[in-house]
Amino acid sequence: MKRTINDWEPETKSLLRTLQAAGAELDGGNNGEDEFRFKTEAKFIEGLTACDEAHLFVNIDGKRRWIFLVYGNEPGVLMSDYSCDPVLDMVCDKHYEEWSGRKQPTKEVEL
């Protein structure tokens, strides 16, 4: 039997790529159950999306910054809160513009 669930991977992948394009270096994450470092994009996204909320850590100009992700918000509002930083302000605005108003991606999973 299959079930359709929300797929957070496309929006998370988009956010990570926007961060990298803005000069942020992906550092690590914490999903409330596990802390992990960035090694591969796929494993990093898997760690971030494993729970309903996650902290994403990035380095910008040698400073460690955090982003609080909430999986369950509508598309475009994945970045629920973040460190005060002009790069993150720009990334948040760009991400919102790209994803706001879109339907939430879904995927089929086996039960």
PDB file of N, CA and C in Angstrom:
ATOM      1  N   MET A   1       0.842  -1.170   0.000  1.00  0.00           N
ATOM      2  CA  MET A   1       0.000   0.000   0.000  1.00  0.00           C
ATOM      3  C   MET A   1       0.898   1.248   0.000  1.00  0.00           C
ATOM      4  N   LYS A   2       0.484   2.252  -0.765  1.00  0.00           N
ATOM      5  CA  LYS A   2       1.251   3.486  -0.848  1.00  0.00           C
ATOM      6  C   LYS A   2       0.475   4.639  -0.229  1.00  0.00           C
ATOM      7  N   ARG A   3       1.238   5.625   0.191  1.00  0.00           N
ATOM      8  CA  ARG A   3       0.654   6.824   0.787  1.00  0.00           C
ATOM      9  C   ARG A   3       1.381   8.039   0.220  1.00  0.00           C
ATOM     10  N   THR A   4       0.667   9.120  -0.011  1.00  0.00           N
ATOM     11  CA  THR A   4       1.270  10.363  -0.498  1.00  0.00           C
ATOM     12  C   THR A   4       1.589  11.261   0.696  1.00  0.00           C
ATOM     13  N   ILE A   5       2.842  11.716   0.765  1.00  0.00           N
ATOM     14  CA  ILE A   5       3.275  12.604   1.849  1.00  0.00           C
ATOM     15  C   ILE A   5       3.969  13.827   1.242  1.00  0.00           C
ATOM     16  N   ASN A   6       4.123  14.863   2.056  1.00  0.00           N
ATOM     17  CA  ASN A   6       4.859  16.041   1.607  1.00  0.00           C
ATOM     18  C   ASN A   6       6.322  15.689   1.391  1.00  0.00           C
ATOM     19  N   ASP A   7       6.901  16.267   0.367  1.00  0.00           N
ATOM     20  CA  ASP A   7       8.311  16.036   0.030  1.00  0.00           C
ATOM     21  C   ASP A   7       9.069  17.343   0.257  1.00  0.00           C
ATOM     22  N   TRP A   8       9.840  17.408   1.316  1.00  0.00           N
ATOM     23  CA  TRP A   8      10.565  18.623   1.692  1.00  0.00           C
ATOM     24  C   TRP A   8      11.907  18.744   0.972  1.00  0.00           C
ATOM     25  N   GLU A   9      12.345  17.692   0.294  1.00  0.00           N
ATOM     26  CA  GLU A   9      13.662  17.702  -0.354  1.00  0.00           C
ATOM     27  C   GLU A   9      13.806  18.790  -1.420  1.00  0.00           C
ATOM     28  N   PRO A  10      12.853  18.972  -2.347  1.00  0.00           N
ATOM     29  CA  PRO A  10      13.066  19.994  -3.385  1.00  0.00           C
ATOM     30  C   PRO A  10      13.261  21.406  -2.832  1.00  0.00           C
ATOM     31  N   GLU A  11      12.445  21.787  -1.844  1.00  0.00           N
ATOM     32  CA  GLU A  11      12.584  23.136  -1.292  1.00  0.00           C
ATOM     33  C   GLU A  11      13.872  23.268  -0.484  1.00  0.00           C
ATOM     34  N   THR A  12      14.234  22.235   0.256  1.00  0.00           N
ATOM     35  CA  THR A  12      15.478  22.275   1.029  1.00  0.00           C
ATOM     36  C   THR A  12      16.682  22.365   0.103  1.00  0.00           C
ATOM     37  N   LYS A  13      16.685  21.565  -0.959  1.00  0.00           N
ATOM     38  CA  LYS A  13      17.773  21.599  -1.933  1.00  0.00           C
ATOM     39  C   LYS A  13      17.892  22.993  -2.558  1.00  0.00           C
ATOM     40  N   SER A  14      16.772  23.578  -2.901  1.00  0.00           N
ATOM     41  CA  SER A  14      16.753  24.925  -3.476  1.00  0.00           C
ATOM     42  C   SER A  14      17.348  25.943  -2.503  1.00  0.00           C
ATOM     43  N   LEU A  15      16.961  25.849  -1.238  1.00  0.00           N
ATOM     44  CA  LEU A  15      17.487  26.764  -0.225  1.00  0.00           C
ATOM     45  C   LEU A  15      19.001  26.605  -0.074  1.00  0.00           C
ATOM     46  N   LEU A  16      19.481  25.371  -0.001  1.00  0.00           N
ATOM     47  CA  LEU A  16      20.920  25.131   0.151  1.00  0.00           C
ATOM     48  C   LEU A  16      21.693  25.704  -1.031  1.00  0.00           C
ATOM     49  N   ARG A  17      21.175  25.549  -2.218  1.00  0.00           N
ATOM     50  CA  ARG A  17      21.856  26.069  -3.408  1.00  0.00           C
ATOM     51  C   ARG A  17      21.830  27.595  -3.442  1.00  0.00           C
ATOM     52  N   THR A  18      20.748  28.205  -2.978  1.00  0.00           N
ATOM     53  CA  THR A  18      20.675  29.664  -2.897  1.00  0.00           C
ATOM     54  C   THR A  18      21.688  30.180  -1.869  1.00  0.00           C
ATOM     55  N   LEU A  19      21.797  29.480  -0.757  1.00  0.00           N
ATOM     56  CA  LEU A  19      22.795  29.854   0.258  1.00  0.00           C
ATOM     57  C   LEU A  19      24.210  29.784  -0.318  1.00  0.00           C
ATOM     58  N   GLN A  20      24.521  28.693  -0.995  1.00  0.00           N
ATOM     59  CA  GLN A  20      25.857  28.529  -1.563  1.00  0.00           C
ATOM     60  C   GLN A  20      26.132  29.574  -2.631  1.00  0.00           C
ATOM     61  N   ALA A  21      25.152  29.889  -3.463  1.00  0.00           N
ATOM     62  CA  ALA A  21      25.325  30.900  -4.499  1.00  0.00           C
ATOM     63  C   ALA A  21      25.569  32.281  -3.891  1.00  0.00           C
ATOM     64  N   ALA A  22      25.061  32.498  -2.682  1.00  0.00           N
ATOM     65  CA  ALA A  22      25.255  33.774  -1.989  1.00  0.00           C
ATOM     66  C   ALA A  22      26.570  33.828  -1.227  1.00  0.00           C
ATOM     67  N   GLY A  23      27.344  32.737  -1.273  1.00  0.00           N
ATOM     68  CA  GLY A  23      28.653  32.714  -0.613  1.00  0.00           C
ATOM     69  C   GLY A  23      28.674  32.065   0.748  1.00  0.00           C
ATOM     70  N   ALA A  24      27.554  31.493   1.178  1.00  0.00           N
ATOM     71  CA  ALA A  24      27.520  30.805   2.471  1.00  0.00           C
ATOM     72  C   ALA A  24      28.100  29.403   2.315  1.00  0.00           C
ATOM     73  N   GLU A  25      28.852  28.996   3.296  1.00  0.00           N
ATOM     74  CA  GLU A  25      29.429  27.644   3.332  1.00  0.00           C
ATOM     75  C   GLU A  25      28.576  26.787   4.260  1.00  0.00           C
ATOM     76  N   LEU A  26      28.042  25.684   3.743  1.00  0.00           N
ATOM     77  CA  LEU A  26      27.230  24.782   4.556  1.00  0.00           C
ATOM     78  C   LEU A  26      28.129  24.118   5.583  1.00  0.00           C
ATOM     79  N   ASP A  27      27.703  24.151   6.854  1.00  0.00           N
ATOM     80  CA  ASP A  27      28.555  23.658   7.934  1.00  0.00           C
ATOM     81  C   ASP A  27      27.971  22.424   8.610  1.00  0.00           C
ATOM     82  N   GLY A  28      26.788  22.553   9.180  1.00  0.00           N
ATOM     83  CA  GLY A  28      26.218  21.433   9.916  1.00  0.00           C
ATOM     84  C   GLY A  28      24.745  21.635  10.162  1.00  0.00           C
ATOM     85  N   GLY A  29      24.164  20.678  10.875  1.00  0.00           N
ATOM     86  CA  GLY A  29      22.751  20.755  11.189  1.00  0.00           C
ATOM     87  C   GLY A  29      22.435  20.008  12.462  1.00  0.00           C
ATOM     88  N   ASN A  30      21.236  20.268  12.982  1.00  0.00           N
ATOM     89  CA  ASN A  30      20.740  19.582  14.162  1.00  0.00           C
ATOM     90  C   ASN A  30      19.229  19.490  13.989  1.00  0.00           C
ATOM     91  N   ASN A  31      18.703  18.264  13.958  1.00  0.00           N
ATOM     92  CA  ASN A  31      17.273  18.084  13.755  1.00  0.00           C
ATOM     93  C   ASN A  31      16.530  17.749  15.051  1.00  0.00           C
ATOM     94  N   GLY A  32      17.177  17.992  16.185  1.00  0.00           N
ATOM     95  CA  GLY A  32      16.558  17.691  17.472  1.00  0.00           C
ATOM     96  C   GLY A  32      16.866  16.295  17.960  1.00  0.00           C
ATOM     97  N   GLU A  33      17.235  15.417  17.049  1.00  0.00           N
ATOM     98  CA  GLU A  33      17.628  14.056  17.417  1.00  0.00           C
ATOM     99  C   GLU A  33      19.103  13.818  17.151  1.00  0.00           C
ATOM    100  N   ASP A  34      19.590  14.387  16.052  1.00  0.00           N
ATOM    101  CA  ASP A  34      20.987  14.173  15.662  1.00  0.00           C
ATOM    102  C   ASP A  34      21.647  15.488  15.266  1.00  0.00           C
ATOM    103  N   GLU A  35      22.935  15.588  15.548  1.00  0.00           N
ATOM    104  CA  GLU A  35      23.768  16.658  15.012  1.00  0.00           C
ATOM    105  C   GLU A  35      24.609  16.043  13.911  1.00  0.00           C
ATOM    106  N   PHE A  36      24.824  16.793  12.842  1.00  0.00           N
ATOM    107  CA  PHE A  36      25.562  16.245  11.709  1.00  0.00           C
ATOM    108  C   PHE A  36      26.283  17.370  10.986  1.00  0.00           C
ATOM    109  N   ARG A  37      27.319  17.000  10.275  1.00  0.00           N
ATOM    110  CA  ARG A  37      28.124  17.936   9.488  1.00  0.00           C
ATOM    111  C   ARG A  37      27.786  17.754   8.016  1.00  0.00           C
ATOM    112  N   PHE A  38      28.060  18.782   7.228  1.00  0.00           N
ATOM    113  CA  PHE A  38      27.845  18.682   5.787  1.00  0.00           C
ATOM    114  C   PHE A  38      28.941  17.816   5.188  1.00  0.00           C
ATOM    115  N   LYS A  39      28.529  16.747   4.499  1.00  0.00           N
ATOM    116  CA  LYS A  39      29.468  15.898   3.762  1.00  0.00           C
ATOM    117  C   LYS A  39      29.004  15.788   2.321  1.00  0.00           C
ATOM    118  N   THR A  40      27.786  15.311   2.128  1.00  0.00           N
ATOM    119  CA  THR A  40      27.189  15.275   0.784  1.00  0.00           C
ATOM    120  C   THR A  40      25.816  15.939   0.867  1.00  0.00           C
ATOM    121  N   GLU A  41      25.378  16.513  -0.241  1.00  0.00           N
ATOM    122  CA  GLU A  41      24.092  17.198  -0.252  1.00  0.00           C
ATOM    123  C   GLU A  41      22.950  16.246   0.115  1.00  0.00           C
ATOM    124  N   ALA A  42      22.947  15.064  -0.450  1.00  0.00           N
ATOM    125  CA  ALA A  42      21.854  14.117  -0.204  1.00  0.00           C
ATOM    126  C   ALA A  42      21.751  13.745   1.272  1.00  0.00           C
ATOM    127  N   LYS A  43      22.863  13.399   1.893  1.00  0.00           N
ATOM    128  CA  LYS A  43      22.859  13.018   3.318  1.00  0.00           C
ATOM    129  C   LYS A  43      22.503  14.204   4.200  1.00  0.00           C
ATOM    130  N   PHE A  44      22.965  15.389   3.822  1.00  0.00           N
ATOM    131  CA  PHE A  44      22.679  16.596   4.593  1.00  0.00           C
ATOM    132  C   PHE A  44      21.176  16.888   4.565  1.00  0.00           C
ATOM    133  N   ILE A  45      20.577  16.810   3.388  1.00  0.00           N
ATOM    134  CA  ILE A  45      19.137  17.035   3.261  1.00  0.00           C
ATOM    135  C   ILE A  45      18.369  15.972   4.026  1.00  0.00           C
ATOM    136  N   GLU A  46      18.827  14.741   3.957  1.00  0.00           N
ATOM    137  CA  GLU A  46      18.189  13.654   4.707  1.00  0.00           C
ATOM    138  C   GLU A  46      18.181  13.966   6.202  1.00  0.00           C
ATOM    139  N   GLY A  47      19.298  14.465   6.723  1.00  0.00           N
ATOM    140  CA  GLY A  47      19.383  14.824   8.141  1.00  0.00           C
ATOM    141  C   GLY A  47      18.470  15.986   8.492  1.00  0.00           C
ATOM    142  N   LEU A  48      18.456  17.010   7.652  1.00  0.00           N
ATOM    143  CA  LEU A  48      17.628  18.186   7.921  1.00  0.00           C
ATOM    144  C   LEU A  48      16.143  17.839   7.905  1.00  0.00           C
ATOM    145  N   THR A  49      15.723  17.001   6.968  1.00  0.00           N
ATOM    146  CA  THR A  49      14.295  16.711   6.792  1.00  0.00           C
ATOM    147  C   THR A  49      13.798  15.523   7.616  1.00  0.00           C
ATOM    148  N   ALA A  50      14.641  14.953   8.452  1.00  0.00           N
ATOM    149  CA  ALA A  50      14.263  13.774   9.233  1.00  0.00           C
ATOM    150  C   ALA A  50      13.224  14.087  10.315  1.00  0.00           C
ATOM    151  N   CYS A  51      13.117  15.343  10.709  1.00  0.00           N
ATOM    152  CA  CYS A  51      12.169  15.756  11.744  1.00  0.00           C
ATOM    153  C   CYS A  51      11.403  16.984  11.259  1.00  0.00           C
ATOM    154  N   ASP A  52      10.474  17.451  12.066  1.00  0.00           N
ATOM    155  CA  ASP A  52       9.643  18.594  11.690  1.00  0.00           C
ATOM    156  C   ASP A  52      10.381  19.928  11.730  1.00  0.00           C
ATOM    157  N   GLU A  53      11.476  19.996  12.478  1.00  0.00           N
ATOM    158  CA  GLU A  53      12.248  21.227  12.621  1.00  0.00           C
ATOM    159  C   GLU A  53      13.727  20.888  12.595  1.00  0.00           C
ATOM    160  N   ALA A  54      14.529  21.844  12.152  1.00  0.00           N
ATOM    161  CA  ALA A  54      15.980  21.629  12.153  1.00  0.00           C
ATOM    162  C   ALA A  54      16.699  22.966  12.206  1.00  0.00           C
ATOM    163  N   HIS A  55      17.878  22.949  12.791  1.00  0.00           N
ATOM    164  CA  HIS A  55      18.781  24.088  12.725  1.00  0.00           C
ATOM    165  C   HIS A  55      19.822  23.783  11.656  1.00  0.00           C
ATOM    166  N   LEU A  56      20.044  24.733  10.795  1.00  0.00           N
ATOM    167  CA  LEU A  56      21.041  24.650   9.735  1.00  0.00           C
ATOM    168  C   LEU A  56      22.113  25.668  10.077  1.00  0.00           C
ATOM    169  N   PHE A  57      23.375  25.257  10.046  1.00  0.00           N
ATOM    170  CA  PHE A  57      24.482  26.159  10.367  1.00  0.00           C
ATOM    171  C   PHE A  57      25.311  26.408   9.115  1.00  0.00           C
ATOM    172  N   VAL A  58      25.617  27.677   8.882  1.00  0.00           N
ATOM    173  CA  VAL A  58      26.418  28.084   7.730  1.00  0.00           C
ATOM    174  C   VAL A  58      27.511  29.031   8.200  1.00  0.00           C
ATOM    175  N   ASN A  59      28.554  29.145   7.398  1.00  0.00           N
ATOM    176  CA  ASN A  59      29.605  30.125   7.650  1.00  0.00           C
ATOM    177  C   ASN A  59      29.531  31.187   6.560  1.00  0.00           C
ATOM    178  N   ILE A  60      29.499  32.451   6.994  1.00  0.00           N
ATOM    179  CA  ILE A  60      29.465  33.584   6.078  1.00  0.00           C
ATOM    180  C   ILE A  60      30.567  34.536   6.505  1.00  0.00           C
ATOM    181  N   ASP A  61      31.527  34.745   5.620  1.00  0.00           N
ATOM    182  CA  ASP A  61      32.664  35.635   5.912  1.00  0.00           C
ATOM    183  C   ASP A  61      33.330  35.287   7.241  1.00  0.00           C
ATOM    184  N   GLY A  62      33.496  33.984   7.477  1.00  0.00           N
ATOM    185  CA  GLY A  62      34.185  33.517   8.676  1.00  0.00           C
ATOM    186  C   GLY A  62      33.344  33.514   9.937  1.00  0.00           C
ATOM    187  N   LYS A  63      32.067  33.842   9.841  1.00  0.00           N
ATOM    188  CA  LYS A  63      31.189  33.866  11.010  1.00  0.00           C
ATOM    189  C   LYS A  63      30.151  32.758  10.885  1.00  0.00           C
ATOM    190  N   ARG A  64      29.976  32.018  11.982  1.00  0.00           N
ATOM    191  CA  ARG A  64      28.972  30.949  11.985  1.00  0.00           C
ATOM    192  C   ARG A  64      27.600  31.547  12.229  1.00  0.00           C
ATOM    193  N   ARG A  65      26.658  31.203  11.358  1.00  0.00           N
ATOM    194  CA  ARG A  65      25.290  31.691  11.446  1.00  0.00           C
ATOM    195  C   ARG A  65      24.337  30.503  11.490  1.00  0.00           C
ATOM    196  N   TRP A  66      23.139  30.721  12.033  1.00  0.00           N
ATOM    197  CA  TRP A  66      22.151  29.650  12.130  1.00  0.00           C
ATOM    198  C   TRP A  66      20.869  30.045  11.398  1.00  0.00           C
ATOM    199  N   ILE A  67      20.165  29.016  10.949  1.00  0.00           N
ATOM    200  CA  ILE A  67      18.864  29.169  10.313  1.00  0.00           C
ATOM    201  C   ILE A  67      17.953  28.103  10.920  1.00  0.00           C
ATOM    202  N   PHE A  68      16.770  28.519  11.368  1.00  0.00           N
ATOM    203  CA  PHE A  68      15.796  27.582  11.935  1.00  0.00           C
ATOM    204  C   PHE A  68      14.790  27.233  10.845  1.00  0.00           C
ATOM    205  N   LEU A  69      14.749  25.959  10.476  1.00  0.00           N
ATOM    206  CA  LEU A  69      13.861  25.466   9.425  1.00  0.00           C
ATOM    207  C   LEU A  69      12.646  24.791  10.051  1.00  0.00           C
ATOM    208  N   VAL A  70      11.470  25.090   9.530  1.00  0.00           N
ATOM    209  CA  VAL A  70      10.245  24.436   9.993  1.00  0.00           C
ATOM    210  C   VAL A  70       9.600  23.761   8.799  1.00  0.00           C
ATOM    211  N   TYR A  71       9.552  22.425   8.858  1.00  0.00           N
ATOM    212  CA  TYR A  71       8.912  21.629   7.813  1.00  0.00           C
ATOM    213  C   TYR A  71       7.451  21.475   8.199  1.00  0.00           C
ATOM    214  N   GLY A  72       6.599  22.063   7.411  1.00  0.00           N
ATOM    215  CA  GLY A  72       5.170  22.093   7.693  1.00  0.00           C
ATOM    216  C   GLY A  72       4.613  23.457   7.360  1.00  0.00           C
ATOM    217  N   ASN A  73       5.478  24.464   7.315  1.00  0.00           N
ATOM    218  CA  ASN A  73       5.058  25.773   6.828  1.00  0.00           C
ATOM    219  C   ASN A  73       4.788  25.660   5.328  1.00  0.00           C
ATOM    220  N   GLU A  74       4.038  26.606   4.797  1.00  0.00           N
ATOM    221  CA  GLU A  74       3.787  26.590   3.360  1.00  0.00           C
ATOM    222  C   GLU A  74       5.083  26.871   2.606  1.00  0.00           C
ATOM    223  N   PRO A  75       5.152  26.476   1.335  1.00  0.00           N
ATOM    224  CA  PRO A  75       6.364  26.723   0.556  1.00  0.00           C
ATOM    225  C   PRO A  75       6.751  28.205   0.582  1.00  0.00           C
ATOM    226  N   GLY A  76       8.048  28.447   0.735  1.00  0.00           N
ATOM    227  CA  GLY A  76       8.574  29.802   0.798  1.00  0.00           C
ATOM    228  C   GLY A  76       8.848  30.272   2.206  1.00  0.00           C
ATOM    229  N   VAL A  77       8.279  29.585   3.190  1.00  0.00           N
ATOM    230  CA  VAL A  77       8.437  29.998   4.578  1.00  0.00           C
ATOM    231  C   VAL A  77       9.215  28.936   5.363  1.00  0.00           C
ATOM    232  N   LEU A  78      10.062  28.220   4.668  1.00  0.00           N
ATOM    233  CA  LEU A  78      10.897  27.197   5.299  1.00  0.00           C
ATOM    234  C   LEU A  78      11.839  27.822   6.324  1.00  0.00           C
ATOM    235  N   MET A  79      12.423  28.988   5.979  1.00  0.00           N
ATOM    236  CA  MET A  79      13.309  29.699   6.907  1.00  0.00           C
ATOM    237  C   MET A  79      12.430  30.434   7.918  1.00  0.00           C
ATOM    238  N   SER A  80      12.183  29.806   9.056  1.00  0.00           N
ATOM    239  CA  SER A  80      11.301  30.374  10.060  1.00  0.00           C
ATOM    240  C   SER A  80      11.984  31.498  10.840  1.00  0.00           C
ATOM    241  N   ASP A  81      13.283  31.355  11.094  1.00  0.00           N
ATOM    242  CA  ASP A  81      14.065  32.352  11.838  1.00  0.00           C
ATOM    243  C   ASP A  81      15.526  32.144  11.474  1.00  0.00           C
ATOM    244  N   TYR A  82      16.342  33.161  11.679  1.00  0.00           N
ATOM    245  CA  TYR A  82      17.762  33.042  11.343  1.00  0.00           C
ATOM    246  C   TYR A  82      18.572  34.139  12.004  1.00  0.00           C
ATOM    247  N   SER A  83      19.897  33.945  12.057  1.00  0.00           N
ATOM    248  CA  SER A  83      20.814  34.947  12.596  1.00  0.00           C
ATOM    249  C   SER A  83      20.694  36.236  11.809  1.00  0.00           C
ATOM    250  N   CYS A  84      20.888  37.326  12.497  1.00  0.00           N
ATOM    251  CA  CYS A  84      20.866  38.635  11.847  1.00  0.00           C
ATOM    252  C   CYS A  84      22.101  38.757  10.945  1.00  0.00           C
ATOM    253  N   ASP A  85      21.864  38.762   9.634  1.00  0.00           N
ATOM    254  CA  ASP A  85      22.963  38.852   8.677  1.00  0.00           C
ATOM    255  C   ASP A  85      22.381  39.296   7.334  1.00  0.00           C
ATOM    256  N   PRO A  86      22.992  40.284   6.667  1.00  0.00           N
ATOM    257  CA  PRO A  86      22.441  40.754   5.395  1.00  0.00           C
ATOM    258  C   PRO A  86      22.398  39.677   4.306  1.00  0.00           C
ATOM    259  N   VAL A  87      23.345  38.757   4.318  1.00  0.00           N
ATOM    260  CA  VAL A  87      23.326  37.672   3.334  1.00  0.00           C
ATOM    261  C   VAL A  87      22.107  36.786   3.565  1.00  0.00           C
ATOM    262  N   LEU A  88      21.814  36.479   4.824  1.00  0.00           N
ATOM    263  CA  LEU A  88      20.653  35.644   5.125  1.00  0.00           C
ATOM    264  C   LEU A  88      19.345  36.381   4.838  1.00  0.00           C
ATOM    265  N   ASP A  89      19.319  37.703   5.047  1.00  0.00           N
ATOM    266  CA  ASP A  89      18.139  38.487   4.665  1.00  0.00           C
ATOM    267  C   ASP A  89      17.872  38.329   3.169  1.00  0.00           C
ATOM    268  N   MET A  90      18.923  38.454   2.367  1.00  0.00           N
ATOM    269  CA  MET A  90      18.791  38.351   0.912  1.00  0.00           C
ATOM    270  C   MET A  90      18.363  36.938   0.505  1.00  0.00           C
ATOM    271  N   VAL A  91      18.964  35.928   1.117  1.00  0.00           N
ATOM    272  CA  VAL A  91      18.615  34.535   0.801  1.00  0.00           C
ATOM    273  C   VAL A  91      17.158  34.261   1.169  1.00  0.00           C
ATOM    274  N   CYS A  92      16.726  34.739   2.328  1.00  0.00           N
ATOM    275  CA  CYS A  92      15.345  34.525   2.761  1.00  0.00           C
ATOM    276  C   CYS A  92      14.376  35.169   1.770  1.00  0.00           C
ATOM    277  N   ASP A  93      14.650  36.394   1.363  1.00  0.00           N
ATOM    278  CA  ASP A  93      13.790  37.080   0.393  1.00  0.00           C
ATOM    279  C   ASP A  93      13.754  36.338  -0.943  1.00  0.00           C
ATOM    280  N   LYS A  94      14.923  35.929  -1.410  1.00  0.00           N
ATOM    281  CA  LYS A  94      15.001  35.227  -2.699  1.00  0.00           C
ATOM    282  C   LYS A  94      14.267  33.887  -2.634  1.00  0.00           C
ATOM    283  N   HIS A  95      14.455  33.166  -1.543  1.00  0.00           N
ATOM    284  CA  HIS A  95      13.789  31.871  -1.378  1.00  0.00           C
ATOM    285  C   HIS A  95      12.273  32.058  -1.341  1.00  0.00           C
ATOM    286  N   TYR A  96      11.822  33.060  -0.611  1.00  0.00           N
ATOM    287  CA  TYR A  96      10.385  33.324  -0.527  1.00  0.00           C
ATOM    288  C   TYR A  96       9.814  33.645  -1.909  1.00  0.00           C
ATOM    289  N   GLU A  97      10.493  34.489  -2.656  1.00  0.00           N
ATOM    290  CA  GLU A  97      10.042  34.852  -4.001  1.00  0.00           C
ATOM    291  C   GLU A  97       9.934  33.617  -4.906  1.00  0.00           C
ATOM    292  N   GLU A  98      10.897  32.718  -4.791  1.00  0.00           N
ATOM    293  CA  GLU A  98      10.914  31.526  -5.643  1.00  0.00           C
ATOM    294  C   GLU A  98       9.834  30.517  -5.272  1.00  0.00           C
ATOM    295  N   TRP A  99       9.546  30.366  -3.978  1.00  0.00           N
ATOM    296  CA  TRP A  99       8.672  29.281  -3.533  1.00  0.00           C
ATOM    297  C   TRP A  99       7.282  29.711  -3.103  1.00  0.00           C
ATOM    298  N   SER A 100       7.075  30.971  -2.772  1.00  0.00           N
ATOM    299  CA  SER A 100       5.769  31.431  -2.301  1.00  0.00           C
ATOM    300  C   SER A 100       4.692  31.198  -3.363  1.00  0.00           C
ATOM    301  N   GLY A 101       3.550  30.688  -2.940  1.00  0.00           N
ATOM    302  CA  GLY A 101       2.433  30.462  -3.844  1.00  0.00           C
ATOM    303  C   GLY A 101       2.480  29.140  -4.593  1.00  0.00           C
ATOM    304  N   ARG A 102       3.567  28.392  -4.442  1.00  0.00           N
ATOM    305  CA  ARG A 102       3.665  27.098  -5.113  1.00  0.00           C
ATOM    306  C   ARG A 102       2.951  26.027  -4.299  1.00  0.00           C
ATOM    307  N   LYS A 103       2.572  24.965  -4.970  1.00  0.00           N
ATOM    308  CA  LYS A 103       2.019  23.811  -4.272  1.00  0.00           C
ATOM    309  C   LYS A 103       3.165  23.051  -3.606  1.00  0.00           C
ATOM    310  N   GLN A 104       2.865  22.471  -2.455  1.00  0.00           N
ATOM    311  CA  GLN A 104       3.871  21.679  -1.751  1.00  0.00           C
ATOM    312  C   GLN A 104       4.161  20.414  -2.547  1.00  0.00           C
ATOM    313  N   PRO A 105       5.432  20.152  -2.892  1.00  0.00           N
ATOM    314  CA  PRO A 105       5.756  18.895  -3.567  1.00  0.00           C
ATOM    315  C   PRO A 105       5.383  17.698  -2.687  1.00  0.00           C
ATOM    316  N   THR A 106       4.993  16.604  -3.324  1.00  0.00           N
ATOM    317  CA  THR A 106       4.644  15.387  -2.602  1.00  0.00           C
ATOM    318  C   THR A 106       5.380  14.205  -3.215  1.00  0.00           C
ATOM    319  N   LYS A 107       5.357  13.098  -2.509  1.00  0.00           N
ATOM    320  CA  LYS A 107       5.940  11.859  -3.017  1.00  0.00           C
ATOM    321  C   LYS A 107       5.150  10.693  -2.449  1.00  0.00           C
ATOM    322  N   GLU A 108       5.238   9.569  -3.150  1.00  0.00           N
ATOM    323  CA  GLU A 108       4.574   8.339  -2.720  1.00  0.00           C
ATOM    324  C   GLU A 108       5.560   7.503  -1.911  1.00  0.00           C
ATOM    325  N   VAL A 109       5.108   6.951  -0.792  1.00  0.00           N
ATOM    326  CA  VAL A 109       5.940   6.072   0.015  1.00  0.00           C
ATOM    327  C   VAL A 109       5.167   4.780   0.316  1.00  0.00           C
ATOM    328  N   GLU A 110       5.901   3.723   0.474  1.00  0.00           N
ATOM    329  CA  GLU A 110       5.309   2.435   0.846  1.00  0.00           C
ATOM    330  C   GLU A 110       5.013   2.437   2.342  1.00  0.00           C
ATOM    331  N   LEU A 111       3.872   1.888   2.703  1.00  0.00           N
ATOM    332  CA  LEU A 111       3.510   1.759   4.130  1.00  0.00           C
ATOM    333  C   LEU A 111       3.956   0.424   4.668  1.00  0.00           C
TER     334      LEU A 111
END
